[in-house]
Amino acid sequence: MTGTLDIHTSWTDGRARVTVRHAGEERWFTVAGSPAPCPSGYQSRLLHDRVVGAVRAGGGAGVPGRPPQPRARDDAPGPQSSAA
């Protein structure tokens, strides 16, 4: 996918699901490698940031194979969305 994209990450039951769509469109697509093991809501936010960075870098992106390591303790789940 190219152009302006929306990226959404949700976390539940130890897995992060990452989806992407063209900005303003209704249909979401699952990112390659998703859902991925991710033990906390905080780590899902770190994962989201890594996916957004990979998309912005171009050349194709997927969910990294290993969950990011936390820098601080915060297990609150919650979805994150970003435009890339």
Protein backbone atom coordinates (compact mmCIF):
# COMPACT_ATOMS: atom_id res chain seq x y z
CA MET A 1 0.00 0.00 0.00
CA THR A 2 1.17 3.50 -0.72
CA GLY A 3 -0.11 6.98 -0.02
CA THR A 4 -1.43 8.32 3.25
CA LEU A 5 -2.23 5.40 5.54
CA ASP A 6 -3.92 4.90 8.89
CA ILE A 7 -2.36 2.27 11.17
CA HIS A 8 -4.28 0.78 14.08
CA THR A 9 -2.94 -1.54 16.79
CA SER A 10 -5.12 -3.31 19.33
CA TRP A 11 -4.03 -5.61 22.14
CA THR A 12 -5.95 -8.43 23.76
CA ASP A 13 -5.14 -11.80 25.30
CA GLY A 14 -1.38 -11.40 24.87
CA ARG A 15 -1.51 -10.61 21.14
CA ALA A 16 -1.21 -7.37 19.18
CA ARG A 17 -3.28 -7.03 16.01
CA VAL A 18 -2.03 -4.42 13.53
CA THR A 19 -4.20 -3.22 10.66
CA VAL A 20 -3.76 -0.59 7.96
CA ARG A 21 -6.00 1.29 5.55
CA HIS A 22 -5.80 4.14 3.10
CA ALA A 23 -6.66 7.34 4.98
CA GLY A 24 -10.39 7.95 4.98
CA GLU A 25 -11.33 4.53 3.59
CA GLU A 26 -13.53 2.07 5.46
CA ARG A 27 -11.75 -1.23 4.76
CA TRP A 28 -8.89 -2.28 7.03
CA PHE A 29 -6.20 -4.82 6.04
CA THR A 30 -4.20 -6.99 8.44
CA VAL A 31 -0.46 -6.23 8.38
CA ALA A 32 1.85 -9.17 7.55
CA GLY A 33 2.88 -10.96 10.76
CA SER A 34 -0.22 -9.88 12.68
CA PRO A 35 -1.48 -10.84 15.17
CA ALA A 36 1.82 -11.11 16.98
CA PRO A 37 2.63 -12.28 20.52
CA CYS A 38 2.81 -9.24 22.78
CA PRO A 39 2.56 -9.71 26.55
CA SER A 40 1.31 -6.25 27.59
CA GLY A 41 -0.58 -3.19 26.47
CA TYR A 42 2.54 -1.11 26.95
CA GLN A 43 4.54 -3.38 24.65
CA SER A 44 1.76 -3.16 22.07
CA ARG A 45 2.24 0.61 22.03
CA LEU A 46 5.97 0.14 21.46
CA LEU A 47 5.18 -2.33 18.68
CA HIS A 48 2.76 0.17 17.12
CA ASP A 49 5.49 2.83 17.09
CA ARG A 50 7.91 0.39 15.40
CA VAL A 51 5.37 -0.49 12.71
CA VAL A 52 4.61 3.20 12.06
CA GLY A 53 8.35 3.87 11.74
CA ALA A 54 8.76 0.98 9.30
CA VAL A 55 5.84 2.20 7.17
CA ARG A 56 7.22 5.74 7.11
CA ALA A 57 10.63 4.39 6.04
CA GLY A 58 8.96 2.79 2.99
CA GLY A 59 9.90 -0.33 1.10
CA GLY A 60 7.25 -2.53 2.72
CA ALA A 61 6.60 -3.22 6.35
CA GLY A 62 5.32 -5.99 8.58
CA VAL A 63 5.00 -6.71 12.25
CA PRO A 64 8.43 -7.36 13.77
CA GLY A 65 8.93 -10.95 14.94
CA ARG A 66 9.82 -10.24 18.56
CA PRO A 67 7.83 -8.04 20.92
CA PRO A 68 9.69 -4.92 22.05
CA GLN A 69 11.17 -4.89 25.51
CA PRO A 70 9.48 -2.50 27.94
CA ARG A 71 11.33 0.45 29.41
CA ALA A 72 8.74 0.99 32.16
CA ARG A 73 5.91 -1.02 33.68
CA ASP A 74 2.45 -0.19 32.34
CA ASP A 75 0.14 -3.05 31.42
CA ALA A 76 -2.89 -0.98 30.52
CA PRO A 77 -4.34 -2.30 27.26
CA GLY A 78 -5.69 0.00 24.63
CA PRO A 79 -5.78 0.59 20.91
CA GLN A 80 -3.46 3.00 19.22
CA SER A 81 -3.96 4.64 15.84
CA SER A 82 -1.59 6.76 13.80
CA ALA A 83 -1.47 8.28 10.37
CA ALA A 84 1.67 7.46 8.41
